[in-house]
Amino acid sequence: MKLLRNILNTIFIIGALAGMATYYWGNKDTGTYIILAAMTFKFIEVTVRLLKLEERN
C-alpha cells in the first residue's frame, strides 16, 4: 500500500504543479479544474492512510 500512496502523491504533485502553471499563465478556470482533479488523488491517499489500509511494519 505504500507504493499506492506514493503513486497517488506523485499524481497529486504533478497535477497541482500543472494546475498552478495553467492558472497563472493560462486560463484561470481550467487551472482551477486541474487543481481540483489533482486534489481528488490526495483525498484518496488520505483516506487510505486514515483507514489504515496500509501494511504495518
Protein backbone atom coordinates (compact mmCIF):
# COMPACT_ATOMS: atom_id res chain seq x y z
CA MET A 1 0.00 0.00 0.00
CA LYS A 2 2.94 2.32 0.48
CA LEU A 3 3.61 2.08 -3.25
CA LEU A 4 -0.03 3.04 -3.93
CA ARG A 5 0.26 6.04 -1.61
CA ASN A 6 3.49 7.14 -3.31
CA ILE A 7 1.89 6.87 -6.75
CA LEU A 8 -1.16 8.85 -5.61
CA ASN A 9 1.06 11.54 -4.08
CA THR A 10 3.14 11.77 -7.26
CA ILE A 11 0.00 12.20 -9.37
CA PHE A 12 -1.21 14.88 -6.94
CA ILE A 13 2.07 16.83 -7.05
CA ILE A 14 2.32 16.72 -10.85
CA GLY A 15 -1.35 17.70 -11.19
CA ALA A 16 -1.03 20.54 -8.70
CA LEU A 17 2.03 21.94 -10.48
CA ALA A 18 0.33 21.68 -13.86
CA GLY A 19 -2.79 23.32 -12.45
CA MET A 20 -0.82 26.18 -10.90
CA ALA A 21 1.05 26.78 -14.14
CA THR A 22 -2.20 26.78 -16.10
CA TYR A 23 -3.84 29.06 -13.54
CA TYR A 24 -1.08 31.68 -13.60
CA TRP A 25 -0.06 31.58 -17.27
CA GLY A 26 -3.25 30.39 -18.93
CA ASN A 27 -6.93 30.11 -18.25
CA LYS A 28 -7.83 30.52 -14.56
CA ASP A 29 -10.94 28.32 -14.80
CA THR A 30 -9.07 25.45 -16.43
CA GLY A 31 -6.27 25.72 -13.85
CA THR A 32 -8.81 25.53 -11.05
CA TYR A 33 -10.36 22.39 -12.52
CA ILE A 34 -6.95 20.76 -12.91
CA ILE A 35 -6.09 21.51 -9.27
CA LEU A 36 -9.45 20.13 -8.11
CA ALA A 37 -8.87 16.96 -10.10
CA ALA A 38 -5.41 16.60 -8.53
CA MET A 39 -6.92 17.09 -5.08
CA THR A 40 -9.14 14.04 -5.57
CA PHE A 41 -5.99 11.91 -5.72
CA LYS A 42 -4.80 13.46 -2.46
CA PHE A 43 -8.17 12.77 -0.82
CA ILE A 44 -7.92 9.13 -1.89
CA GLU A 45 -4.40 8.90 -0.45
CA VAL A 46 -5.50 10.43 2.85
CA THR A 47 -8.45 8.05 3.02
CA VAL A 48 -6.15 5.07 2.50
CA ARG A 49 -3.86 6.38 5.24
CA LEU A 50 -6.63 7.17 7.73
CA LEU A 51 -8.43 3.87 7.25
CA LYS A 52 -5.10 2.16 7.87
CA LEU A 53 -5.33 0.15 4.68
CA GLU A 54 -1.57 0.13 4.52
CA GLU A 55 0.57 -2.69 5.84
CA ARG A 56 2.25 -2.19 9.20
CA ASN A 57 5.96 -2.92 9.58
